[in-house]
Structure formats: structure tokens, C-alpha cells
């Protein structure tokens, strides 16, 4: 399947974001995690939707990939501000996803 590696990376990022958002809800001071939870939820949705559209072999999707790059970048920045392991893992997944999308855009 075309873009199979990118689809996997997008789905992995969506799972990491969903896991992070859920884990943030269990943190002692949830109020401090609101921006992280919101960003995680949006990033998970964008990545999952992008993966679905890629799997459909739909025409030009450069704008969607650019949007995904921006959302992943913002999510990585937000998560990297927190010391929780789930946030660190999410930041890594988002950075990996951002770079994978950029590679397709450049290539």
C-alpha cells in the first residue's frame, strides 16, 4: 500500500496522543494539564483522519499534511513542557509524525 509507513506513523501518533490525554486526566493537578489534553485530542483526531484519507488514495493532500505537521509540532511543544513520562512519549511520537509528514511533502 502506498504511504503505508506514514499511515502507521500517523496511527501511532494518534494512539500516543490519546494515551497521553487519558493519562493527563489521572494527574494530580488536572487543571495544569488542560492545554495538553486539548492539544492531544486535536492531534489524535487530525492524525487519525489523515491516516484514513491516505489509505483511500485520495488526490492531492499537501494542505492536509501541512496542517498535520503544524498540529503535531504544537502538540510536541506542549507535551515537552511536562515531566510526565506519557507526555515525553507523546512529544516523541508527535515529532516523529511531523518529520514523516514533512518528508512526504518534500519528497
PDB file of N, CA and C in Angstrom:
ATOM      1  N   UNK A   1       0.846  -1.181   0.000  1.00  0.00           N
ATOM      2  CA  UNK A   1       0.000   0.000   0.000  1.00  0.00           C
ATOM      3  C   UNK A   1       0.891   1.244   0.000  1.00  0.00           C
ATOM      4  N   UNK A   2       0.510   2.191  -0.820  1.00  0.00           N
ATOM      5  CA  UNK A   2       1.246   3.451  -0.886  1.00  0.00           C
ATOM      6  C   UNK A   2       1.141   4.177   0.463  1.00  0.00           C
ATOM      7  N   UNK A   3       2.235   4.771   0.885  1.00  0.00           N
ATOM      8  CA  UNK A   3       2.295   5.542   2.137  1.00  0.00           C
ATOM      9  C   UNK A   3       2.020   4.697   3.387  1.00  0.00           C
ATOM     10  N   UNK A   4       2.254   3.395   3.302  1.00  0.00           N
ATOM     11  CA  UNK A   4       1.976   2.500   4.435  1.00  0.00           C
ATOM     12  C   UNK A   4       2.751   2.910   5.695  1.00  0.00           C
ATOM     13  N   UNK A   5       4.013   3.271   5.524  1.00  0.00           N
ATOM     14  CA  UNK A   5       4.824   3.666   6.680  1.00  0.00           C
ATOM     15  C   UNK A   5       4.276   4.949   7.317  1.00  0.00           C
ATOM     16  N   UNK A   6       3.871   5.902   6.489  1.00  0.00           N
ATOM     17  CA  UNK A   6       3.314   7.146   7.027  1.00  0.00           C
ATOM     18  C   UNK A   6       1.987   6.887   7.736  1.00  0.00           C
ATOM     19  N   UNK A   7       1.166   6.040   7.167  1.00  0.00           N
ATOM     20  CA  UNK A   7      -0.123   5.701   7.799  1.00  0.00           C
ATOM     21  C   UNK A   7       0.115   5.090   9.182  1.00  0.00           C
ATOM     22  N   UNK A   8       1.099   4.196   9.278  1.00  0.00           N
ATOM     23  CA  UNK A   8       1.426   3.588  10.575  1.00  0.00           C
ATOM     24  C   UNK A   8       1.912   4.653  11.558  1.00  0.00           C
ATOM     25  N   UNK A   9       2.775   5.556  11.092  1.00  0.00           N
ATOM     26  CA  UNK A   9       3.294   6.620  11.952  1.00  0.00           C
ATOM     27  C   UNK A   9       2.165   7.529  12.432  1.00  0.00           C
ATOM     28  N   UNK A  10       1.256   7.867  11.542  1.00  0.00           N
ATOM     29  CA  UNK A  10       0.100   8.698  11.912  1.00  0.00           C
ATOM     30  C   UNK A  10      -0.764   7.992  12.959  1.00  0.00           C
ATOM     31  N   UNK A  11      -1.022   6.714  12.757  1.00  0.00           N
ATOM     32  CA  UNK A  11      -1.837   5.957  13.719  1.00  0.00           C
ATOM     33  C   UNK A  11      -1.120   5.800  15.059  1.00  0.00           C
ATOM     34  N   UNK A  12       0.204   5.586  15.022  1.00  0.00           N
ATOM     35  CA  UNK A  12       0.977   5.505  16.260  1.00  0.00           C
ATOM     36  C   UNK A  12       0.910   6.820  17.032  1.00  0.00           C
ATOM     37  N   UNK A  13       0.988   7.924  16.304  1.00  0.00           N
ATOM     38  CA  UNK A  13       0.912   9.239  16.941  1.00  0.00           C
ATOM     39  C   UNK A  13      -0.470   9.453  17.556  1.00  0.00           C
ATOM     40  N   UNK A  14      -1.500   9.086  16.825  1.00  0.00           N
ATOM     41  CA  UNK A  14      -2.866   9.228  17.349  1.00  0.00           C
ATOM     42  C   UNK A  14      -3.028   8.426  18.641  1.00  0.00           C
ATOM     43  N   UNK A  15      -2.486   7.211  18.665  1.00  0.00           N
ATOM     44  CA  UNK A  15      -2.586   6.390  19.878  1.00  0.00           C
ATOM     45  C   UNK A  15      -1.811   7.009  21.036  1.00  0.00           C
ATOM     46  N   UNK A  16      -0.612   7.528  20.750  1.00  0.00           N
ATOM     47  CA  UNK A  16       0.190   8.162  21.799  1.00  0.00           C
ATOM     48  C   UNK A  16      -0.527   9.385  22.366  1.00  0.00           C
ATOM     49  N   UNK A  17      -1.151  10.164  21.487  1.00  0.00           N
ATOM     50  CA  UNK A  17      -1.882  11.356  21.925  1.00  0.00           C
ATOM     51  C   UNK A  17      -3.105  10.985  22.768  1.00  0.00           C
ATOM     52  N   UNK A  18      -3.835   9.970  22.332  1.00  0.00           N
ATOM     53  CA  UNK A  18      -4.995   9.531  23.111  1.00  0.00           C
ATOM     54  C   UNK A  18      -4.567   8.997  24.472  1.00  0.00           C
ATOM     55  N   UNK A  19      -3.488   8.234  24.502  1.00  0.00           N
ATOM     56  CA  UNK A  19      -2.978   7.706  25.766  1.00  0.00           C
ATOM     57  C   UNK A  19      -2.556   8.852  26.681  1.00  0.00           C
ATOM     58  N   UNK A  20      -1.851   9.839  26.123  1.00  0.00           N
ATOM     59  CA  UNK A  20      -1.387  10.980  26.910  1.00  0.00           C
ATOM     60  C   UNK A  20      -2.562  11.766  27.487  1.00  0.00           C
ATOM     61  N   UNK A  21      -3.553  12.043  26.648  1.00  0.00           N
ATOM     62  CA  UNK A  21      -4.722  12.799  27.124  1.00  0.00           C
ATOM     63  C   UNK A  21      -5.407  12.072  28.270  1.00  0.00           C
ATOM     64  N   UNK A  22      -5.557  10.764  28.120  1.00  0.00           N
ATOM     65  CA  UNK A  22      -6.205   9.972  29.168  1.00  0.00           C
ATOM     66  C   UNK A  22      -5.362   9.953  30.440  1.00  0.00           C
ATOM     67  N   UNK A  23      -4.045   9.792  30.279  1.00  0.00           N
ATOM     68  CA  UNK A  23      -3.161   9.779  31.445  1.00  0.00           C
ATOM     69  C   UNK A  23      -3.128  11.135  32.135  1.00  0.00           C
ATOM     70  N   UNK A  24      -3.228  12.214  31.361  1.00  0.00           N
ATOM     71  CA  UNK A  24      -3.259  13.559  31.948  1.00  0.00           C
ATOM     72  C   UNK A  24      -4.462  13.730  32.878  1.00  0.00           C
ATOM     73  N   UNK A  25      -5.556  13.087  32.532  1.00  0.00           N
ATOM     74  CA  UNK A  25      -6.756  13.172  33.366  1.00  0.00           C
ATOM     75  C   UNK A  25      -6.548  12.536  34.739  1.00  0.00           C
ATOM     76  N   UNK A  26      -5.571  11.649  34.842  1.00  0.00           N
ATOM     77  CA  UNK A  26      -5.272  10.990  36.109  1.00  0.00           C
ATOM     78  C   UNK A  26      -4.208  11.722  36.923  1.00  0.00           C
ATOM     79  N   UNK A  27      -3.659  12.794  36.362  1.00  0.00           N
ATOM     80  CA  UNK A  27      -2.630  13.539  37.087  1.00  0.00           C
ATOM     81  C   UNK A  27      -3.252  14.301  38.261  1.00  0.00           C
ATOM     82  N   UNK A  28      -2.408  14.544  39.266  1.00  0.00           N
ATOM     83  CA  UNK A  28      -2.866  15.190  40.496  1.00  0.00           C
ATOM     84  C   UNK A  28      -3.493  16.559  40.243  1.00  0.00           C
ATOM     85  N   UNK A  29      -2.849  17.379  39.417  1.00  0.00           N
ATOM     86  CA  UNK A  29      -3.371  18.712  39.141  1.00  0.00           C
ATOM     87  C   UNK A  29      -3.852  18.774  37.683  1.00  0.00           C
ATOM     88  N   UNK A  30      -5.031  18.269  37.449  1.00  0.00           N
ATOM     89  CA  UNK A  30      -5.587  18.194  36.100  1.00  0.00           C
ATOM     90  C   UNK A  30      -5.718  19.578  35.475  1.00  0.00           C
ATOM     91  N   UNK A  31      -5.987  20.583  36.288  1.00  0.00           N
ATOM     92  CA  UNK A  31      -6.158  21.938  35.771  1.00  0.00           C
ATOM     93  C   UNK A  31      -4.910  22.412  35.017  1.00  0.00           C
ATOM     94  N   UNK A  32      -3.738  21.973  35.459  1.00  0.00           N
ATOM     95  CA  UNK A  32      -2.495  22.356  34.786  1.00  0.00           C
ATOM     96  C   UNK A  32      -2.303  21.598  33.466  1.00  0.00           C
ATOM     97  N   UNK A  33      -3.104  20.566  33.263  1.00  0.00           N
ATOM     98  CA  UNK A  33      -2.936  19.709  32.088  1.00  0.00           C
ATOM     99  C   UNK A  33      -3.972  19.986  30.998  1.00  0.00           C
ATOM    100  N   UNK A  34      -4.822  20.978  31.188  1.00  0.00           N
ATOM    101  CA  UNK A  34      -5.929  21.242  30.255  1.00  0.00           C
ATOM    102  C   UNK A  34      -5.420  21.488  28.833  1.00  0.00           C
ATOM    103  N   UNK A  35      -4.436  22.350  28.676  1.00  0.00           N
ATOM    104  CA  UNK A  35      -3.914  22.642  27.328  1.00  0.00           C
ATOM    105  C   UNK A  35      -3.326  21.387  26.696  1.00  0.00           C
ATOM    106  N   UNK A  36      -2.655  20.581  27.478  1.00  0.00           N
ATOM    107  CA  UNK A  36      -2.067  19.341  26.982  1.00  0.00           C
ATOM    108  C   UNK A  36      -3.169  18.385  26.519  1.00  0.00           C
ATOM    109  N   UNK A  37      -4.186  18.221  27.324  1.00  0.00           N
ATOM    110  CA  UNK A  37      -5.299  17.323  26.981  1.00  0.00           C
ATOM    111  C   UNK A  37      -5.973  17.783  25.695  1.00  0.00           C
ATOM    112  N   UNK A  38      -6.280  19.051  25.596  1.00  0.00           N
ATOM    113  CA  UNK A  38      -6.940  19.576  24.391  1.00  0.00           C
ATOM    114  C   UNK A  38      -6.073  19.390  23.147  1.00  0.00           C
ATOM    115  N   UNK A  39      -4.796  19.704  23.276  1.00  0.00           N
ATOM    116  CA  UNK A  39      -3.884  19.572  22.141  1.00  0.00           C
ATOM    117  C   UNK A  39      -3.744  18.103  21.744  1.00  0.00           C
ATOM    118  N   UNK A  40      -3.629  17.237  22.735  1.00  0.00           N
ATOM    119  CA  UNK A  40      -3.557  15.796  22.465  1.00  0.00           C
ATOM    120  C   UNK A  40      -4.782  15.320  21.690  1.00  0.00           C
ATOM    121  N   UNK A  41      -5.946  15.740  22.127  1.00  0.00           N
ATOM    122  CA  UNK A  41      -7.189  15.280  21.495  1.00  0.00           C
ATOM    123  C   UNK A  41      -7.275  15.738  20.045  1.00  0.00           C
ATOM    124  N   UNK A  42      -6.913  16.986  19.788  1.00  0.00           N
ATOM    125  CA  UNK A  42      -6.950  17.503  18.417  1.00  0.00           C
ATOM    126  C   UNK A  42      -5.914  16.786  17.555  1.00  0.00           C
ATOM    127  N   UNK A  43      -4.711  16.618  18.082  1.00  0.00           N
ATOM    128  CA  UNK A  43      -3.654  15.963  17.320  1.00  0.00           C
ATOM    129  C   UNK A  43      -4.043  14.519  16.992  1.00  0.00           C
ATOM    130  N   UNK A  44      -4.615  13.817  17.946  1.00  0.00           N
ATOM    131  CA  UNK A  44      -5.048  12.440  17.702  1.00  0.00           C
ATOM    132  C   UNK A  44      -6.079  12.392  16.586  1.00  0.00           C
ATOM    133  N   UNK A  45      -7.005  13.310  16.608  1.00  0.00           N
ATOM    134  CA  UNK A  45      -8.064  13.339  15.589  1.00  0.00           C
ATOM    135  C   UNK A  45      -7.495  13.669  14.206  1.00  0.00           C
ATOM    136  N   UNK A  46      -6.616  14.656  14.149  1.00  0.00           N
ATOM    137  CA  UNK A  46      -6.015  15.054  12.870  1.00  0.00           C
ATOM    138  C   UNK A  46      -5.175  13.916  12.300  1.00  0.00           C
ATOM    139  N   UNK A  47      -4.380  13.280  13.129  1.00  0.00           N
ATOM    140  CA  UNK A  47      -3.527  12.184  12.656  1.00  0.00           C
ATOM    141  C   UNK A  47      -4.365  10.988  12.193  1.00  0.00           C
ATOM    142  N   UNK A  48      -5.386  10.638  12.966  1.00  0.00           N
ATOM    143  CA  UNK A  48      -6.245   9.509  12.588  1.00  0.00           C
ATOM    144  C   UNK A  48      -6.982   9.802  11.280  1.00  0.00           C
ATOM    145  N   UNK A  49      -7.472  11.016  11.144  1.00  0.00           N
ATOM    146  CA  UNK A  49      -8.181  11.399   9.916  1.00  0.00           C
ATOM    147  C   UNK A  49      -7.241  11.419   8.716  1.00  0.00           C
ATOM    148  N   UNK A  50      -6.044  11.930   8.915  1.00  0.00           N
ATOM    149  CA  UNK A  50      -5.057  11.962   7.834  1.00  0.00           C
ATOM    150  C   UNK A  50      -4.710  10.538   7.400  1.00  0.00           C
ATOM    151  N   UNK A  51      -4.544   9.639   8.353  1.00  0.00           N
ATOM    152  CA  UNK A  51      -4.246   8.236   8.031  1.00  0.00           C
ATOM    153  C   UNK A  51      -5.381   7.614   7.218  1.00  0.00           C
ATOM    154  N   UNK A  52      -6.606   7.898   7.625  1.00  0.00           N
ATOM    155  CA  UNK A  52      -7.765   7.354   6.894  1.00  0.00           C
ATOM    156  C   UNK A  52      -7.791   7.857   5.454  1.00  0.00           C
ATOM    157  N   UNK A  53      -7.582   9.149   5.280  1.00  0.00           N
ATOM    158  CA  UNK A  53      -7.624   9.740   3.936  1.00  0.00           C
ATOM    159  C   UNK A  53      -6.469   9.205   3.084  1.00  0.00           C
ATOM    160  N   UNK A  54      -5.297   9.051   3.672  1.00  0.00           N
ATOM    161  CA  UNK A  54      -4.162   8.483   2.937  1.00  0.00           C
ATOM    162  C   UNK A  54      -4.464   7.062   2.474  1.00  0.00           C
ATOM    163  N   UNK A  55      -5.143   6.297   3.297  1.00  0.00           N
ATOM    164  CA  UNK A  55      -5.448   4.912   2.938  1.00  0.00           C
ATOM    165  C   UNK A  55      -6.466   4.819   1.808  1.00  0.00           C
ATOM    166  N   UNK A  56      -7.151   5.908   1.514  1.00  0.00           N
ATOM    167  CA  UNK A  56      -8.146   5.938   0.447  1.00  0.00           C
ATOM    168  C   UNK A  56      -7.540   6.341  -0.895  1.00  0.00           C
ATOM    169  N   UNK A  57      -6.265   6.644  -0.926  1.00  0.00           N
ATOM    170  CA  UNK A  57      -5.584   7.072  -2.152  1.00  0.00           C
ATOM    171  C   UNK A  57      -6.295   8.243  -2.816  1.00  0.00           C
ATOM    172  N   UNK A  58      -6.772   9.152  -2.006  1.00  0.00           N
ATOM    173  CA  UNK A  58      -7.420  10.371  -2.485  1.00  0.00           C
ATOM    174  C   UNK A  58      -6.359  11.305  -3.042  1.00  0.00           C
ATOM    175  N   UNK A  59      -6.734  12.137  -3.972  1.00  0.00           N
ATOM    176  CA  UNK A  59      -5.838  13.067  -4.676  1.00  0.00           C
ATOM    177  C   UNK A  59      -4.903  13.871  -3.806  1.00  0.00           C
ATOM    178  N   UNK A  60      -4.561  15.069  -4.215  1.00  0.00           N
ATOM    179  CA  UNK A  60      -3.554  15.871  -3.513  1.00  0.00           C
ATOM    180  C   UNK A  60      -3.977  16.179  -2.071  1.00  0.00           C
ATOM    181  N   UNK A  61      -3.062  15.897  -1.169  1.00  0.00           N
ATOM    182  CA  UNK A  61      -3.357  16.104   0.252  1.00  0.00           C
ATOM    183  C   UNK A  61      -2.289  16.954   0.929  1.00  0.00           C
ATOM    184  N   UNK A  62      -1.533  17.702   0.137  1.00  0.00           N
ATOM    185  CA  UNK A  62      -0.450  18.505   0.713  1.00  0.00           C
ATOM    186  C   UNK A  62      -0.934  19.457   1.800  1.00  0.00           C
ATOM    187  N   UNK A  63      -2.086  20.085   1.594  1.00  0.00           N
ATOM    188  CA  UNK A  63      -2.608  21.014   2.610  1.00  0.00           C
ATOM    189  C   UNK A  63      -2.928  20.280   3.904  1.00  0.00           C
ATOM    190  N   UNK A  64      -3.491  19.082   3.783  1.00  0.00           N
ATOM    191  CA  UNK A  64      -3.804  18.280   4.965  1.00  0.00           C
ATOM    192  C   UNK A  64      -2.516  17.879   5.685  1.00  0.00           C
ATOM    193  N   UNK A  65      -1.499  17.468   4.930  1.00  0.00           N
ATOM    194  CA  UNK A  65      -0.228  17.098   5.544  1.00  0.00           C
ATOM    195  C   UNK A  65       0.423  18.292   6.226  1.00  0.00           C
ATOM    196  N   UNK A  66       0.342  19.471   5.621  1.00  0.00           N
ATOM    197  CA  UNK A  66       0.897  20.681   6.254  1.00  0.00           C
ATOM    198  C   UNK A  66       0.160  20.991   7.572  1.00  0.00           C
ATOM    199  N   UNK A  67      -1.165  20.824   7.555  1.00  0.00           N
ATOM    200  CA  UNK A  67      -1.942  21.043   8.778  1.00  0.00           C
ATOM    201  C   UNK A  67      -1.521  20.035   9.848  1.00  0.00           C
ATOM    202  N   UNK A  68      -1.342  18.791   9.445  1.00  0.00           N
ATOM    203  CA  UNK A  68      -0.914  17.746  10.368  1.00  0.00           C
ATOM    204  C   UNK A  68       0.462  18.081  10.948  1.00  0.00           C
ATOM    205  N   UNK A  69       1.373  18.558  10.121  1.00  0.00           N
ATOM    206  CA  UNK A  69       2.706  18.970  10.584  1.00  0.00           C
ATOM    207  C   UNK A  69       2.567  20.036  11.671  1.00  0.00           C
ATOM    208  N   UNK A  70       1.736  21.033  11.425  1.00  0.00           N
ATOM    209  CA  UNK A  70       1.567  22.126  12.391  1.00  0.00           C
ATOM    210  C   UNK A  70       0.951  21.650  13.702  1.00  0.00           C
ATOM    211  N   UNK A  71      -0.051  20.790  13.618  1.00  0.00           N
ATOM    212  CA  UNK A  71      -0.700  20.284  14.833  1.00  0.00           C
ATOM    213  C   UNK A  71       0.270  19.401  15.617  1.00  0.00           C
ATOM    214  N   UNK A  72       0.995  18.532  14.933  1.00  0.00           N
ATOM    215  CA  UNK A  72       1.967  17.670  15.613  1.00  0.00           C
ATOM    216  C   UNK A  72       3.062  18.499  16.279  1.00  0.00           C
ATOM    217  N   UNK A  73       3.501  19.548  15.601  1.00  0.00           N
ATOM    218  CA  UNK A  73       4.529  20.433  16.163  1.00  0.00           C
ATOM    219  C   UNK A  73       4.020  21.087  17.449  1.00  0.00           C
ATOM    220  N   UNK A  74       2.803  21.605  17.395  1.00  0.00           N
ATOM    221  CA  UNK A  74       2.229  22.255  18.589  1.00  0.00           C
ATOM    222  C   UNK A  74       2.036  21.259  19.724  1.00  0.00           C
ATOM    223  N   UNK A  75       1.612  20.049  19.396  1.00  0.00           N
ATOM    224  CA  UNK A  75       1.403  19.040  20.423  1.00  0.00           C
ATOM    225  C   UNK A  75       2.739  18.628  21.047  1.00  0.00           C
ATOM    226  N   UNK A  76       3.761  18.451  20.221  1.00  0.00           N
ATOM    227  CA  UNK A  76       5.094  18.102  20.737  1.00  0.00           C
ATOM    228  C   UNK A  76       5.608  19.202  21.663  1.00  0.00           C
ATOM    229  N   UNK A  77       5.410  20.451  21.263  1.00  0.00           N
ATOM    230  CA  UNK A  77       5.854  21.577  22.096  1.00  0.00           C
ATOM    231  C   UNK A  77       5.123  21.599  23.432  1.00  0.00           C
ATOM    232  N   UNK A  78       3.812  21.368  23.399  1.00  0.00           N
ATOM    233  CA  UNK A  78       3.024  21.367  24.635  1.00  0.00           C
ATOM    234  C   UNK A  78       3.451  20.216  25.549  1.00  0.00           C
ATOM    235  N   UNK A  79       3.524  19.031  24.982  1.00  0.00           N
ATOM    236  CA  UNK A  79       3.852  17.860  25.802  1.00  0.00           C
ATOM    237  C   UNK A  79       5.274  17.925  26.364  1.00  0.00           C
ATOM    238  N   UNK A  80       6.184  18.514  25.621  1.00  0.00           N
ATOM    239  CA  UNK A  80       7.576  18.577  26.082  1.00  0.00           C
ATOM    240  C   UNK A  80       7.746  19.519  27.276  1.00  0.00           C
ATOM    241  N   UNK A  81       6.729  20.298  27.588  1.00  0.00           N
ATOM    242  CA  UNK A  81       6.782  21.188  28.755  1.00  0.00           C
ATOM    243  C   UNK A  81       6.505  20.453  30.063  1.00  0.00           C
ATOM    244  N   UNK A  82       6.042  19.204  29.960  1.00  0.00           N
ATOM    245  CA  UNK A  82       5.651  18.442  31.150  1.00  0.00           C
ATOM    246  C   UNK A  82       6.644  17.320  31.423  1.00  0.00           C
ATOM    247  N   UNK A  83       6.791  16.972  32.682  1.00  0.00           N
ATOM    248  CA  UNK A  83       7.761  15.951  33.105  1.00  0.00           C
ATOM    249  C   UNK A  83       7.206  14.526  33.080  1.00  0.00           C
ATOM    250  N   UNK A  84       5.911  14.383  32.878  1.00  0.00           N
ATOM    251  CA  UNK A  84       5.296  13.055  32.919  1.00  0.00           C
ATOM    252  C   UNK A  84       5.809  12.197  31.767  1.00  0.00           C
ATOM    253  N   UNK A  85       6.011  10.922  32.045  1.00  0.00           N
ATOM    254  CA  UNK A  85       6.525  10.002  31.028  1.00  0.00           C
ATOM    255  C   UNK A  85       5.608   9.941  29.806  1.00  0.00           C
ATOM    256  N   UNK A  86       4.296   9.934  30.043  1.00  0.00           N
ATOM    257  CA  UNK A  86       3.353   9.863  28.920  1.00  0.00           C
ATOM    258  C   UNK A  86       3.451  11.108  28.042  1.00  0.00           C
ATOM    259  N   UNK A  87       3.725  12.251  28.634  1.00  0.00           N
ATOM    260  CA  UNK A  87       3.895  13.483  27.850  1.00  0.00           C
ATOM    261  C   UNK A  87       5.185  13.430  27.036  1.00  0.00           C
ATOM    262  N   UNK A  88       6.248  12.937  27.644  1.00  0.00           N
ATOM    263  CA  UNK A  88       7.519  12.819  26.923  1.00  0.00           C
ATOM    264  C   UNK A  88       7.369  11.866  25.737  1.00  0.00           C
ATOM    265  N   UNK A  89       6.711  10.735  25.955  1.00  0.00           N
ATOM    266  CA  UNK A  89       6.497   9.765  24.876  1.00  0.00           C
ATOM    267  C   UNK A  89       5.625  10.352  23.769  1.00  0.00           C
ATOM    268  N   UNK A  90       4.640  11.120  24.148  1.00  0.00           N
ATOM    269  CA  UNK A  90       3.761  11.753  23.169  1.00  0.00           C
ATOM    270  C   UNK A  90       4.535  12.779  22.347  1.00  0.00           C
ATOM    271  N   UNK A  91       5.376  13.557  22.999  1.00  0.00           N
ATOM    272  CA  UNK A  91       6.185  14.553  22.282  1.00  0.00           C
ATOM    273  C   UNK A  91       7.077  13.870  21.246  1.00  0.00           C
ATOM    274  N   UNK A  92       7.644  12.729  21.594  1.00  0.00           N
ATOM    275  CA  UNK A  92       8.487  11.971  20.660  1.00  0.00           C
ATOM    276  C   UNK A  92       7.651  11.483  19.476  1.00  0.00           C
ATOM    277  N   UNK A  93       6.474  10.916  19.770  1.00  0.00           N
ATOM    278  CA  UNK A  93       5.596  10.409  18.702  1.00  0.00           C
ATOM    279  C   UNK A  93       5.163  11.544  17.771  1.00  0.00           C
ATOM    280  N   UNK A  94       4.857  12.692  18.341  1.00  0.00           N
ATOM    281  CA  UNK A  94       4.426  13.841  17.527  1.00  0.00           C
ATOM    282  C   UNK A  94       5.564  14.369  16.656  1.00  0.00           C
ATOM    283  N   UNK A  95       6.756  14.422  17.208  1.00  0.00           N
ATOM    284  CA  UNK A  95       7.912  14.875  16.435  1.00  0.00           C
ATOM    285  C   UNK A  95       8.205  13.903  15.298  1.00  0.00           C
ATOM    286  N   UNK A  96       8.128  12.620  15.580  1.00  0.00           N
ATOM    287  CA  UNK A  96       8.339  11.594  14.555  1.00  0.00           C
ATOM    288  C   UNK A  96       7.304  11.727  13.445  1.00  0.00           C
ATOM    289  N   UNK A  97       6.066  11.945  13.820  1.00  0.00           N
ATOM    290  CA  UNK A  97       4.977  12.083  12.856  1.00  0.00           C
ATOM    291  C   UNK A  97       5.151  13.349  12.017  1.00  0.00           C
ATOM    292  N   UNK A  98       5.491  14.432  12.672  1.00  0.00           N
ATOM    293  CA  UNK A  98       5.731  15.704  11.965  1.00  0.00           C
ATOM    294  C   UNK A  98       6.808  15.519  10.907  1.00  0.00           C
ATOM    295  N   UNK A  99       7.898  14.879  11.296  1.00  0.00           N
ATOM    296  CA  UNK A  99       9.012  14.666  10.365  1.00  0.00           C
ATOM    297  C   UNK A  99       8.622  13.744   9.223  1.00  0.00           C
ATOM    298  N   UNK A 100       7.809  12.730   9.494  1.00  0.00           N
ATOM    299  CA  UNK A 100       7.355  11.804   8.449  1.00  0.00           C
ATOM    300  C   UNK A 100       6.464  12.523   7.434  1.00  0.00           C
ATOM    301  N   UNK A 101       5.601  13.394   7.927  1.00  0.00           N
ATOM    302  CA  UNK A 101       4.740  14.175   7.024  1.00  0.00           C
ATOM    303  C   UNK A 101       5.572  15.145   6.192  1.00  0.00           C
ATOM    304  N   UNK A 102       6.550  15.792   6.834  1.00  0.00           N
ATOM    305  CA  UNK A 102       7.422  16.725   6.114  1.00  0.00           C
ATOM    306  C   UNK A 102       8.197  16.010   5.009  1.00  0.00           C
ATOM    307  N   UNK A 103       8.629  14.800   5.286  1.00  0.00           N
ATOM    308  CA  UNK A 103       9.386  14.018   4.314  1.00  0.00           C
ATOM    309  C   UNK A 103       8.555  13.747   3.057  1.00  0.00           C
ATOM    310  N   UNK A 104       7.274  13.462   3.234  1.00  0.00           N
ATOM    311  CA  UNK A 104       6.372  13.225   2.100  1.00  0.00           C
ATOM    312  C   UNK A 104       6.162  14.533   1.332  1.00  0.00           C
ATOM    313  N   UNK A 105       6.023  15.633   2.061  1.00  0.00           N
ATOM    314  CA  UNK A 105       5.822  16.936   1.422  1.00  0.00           C
ATOM    315  C   UNK A 105       7.031  17.345   0.584  1.00  0.00           C
ATOM    316  N   UNK A 106       8.217  17.080   1.101  1.00  0.00           N
ATOM    317  CA  UNK A 106       9.447  17.462   0.413  1.00  0.00           C
ATOM    318  C   UNK A 106       9.731  16.512  -0.749  1.00  0.00           C
ATOM    319  N   UNK A 107       9.483  15.201  -0.479  1.00  0.00           N
ATOM    320  CA  UNK A 107       9.791  14.163  -1.469  1.00  0.00           C
ATOM    321  C   UNK A 107       8.922  14.262  -2.648  1.00  0.00           C
TER     322      UNK A 107
END
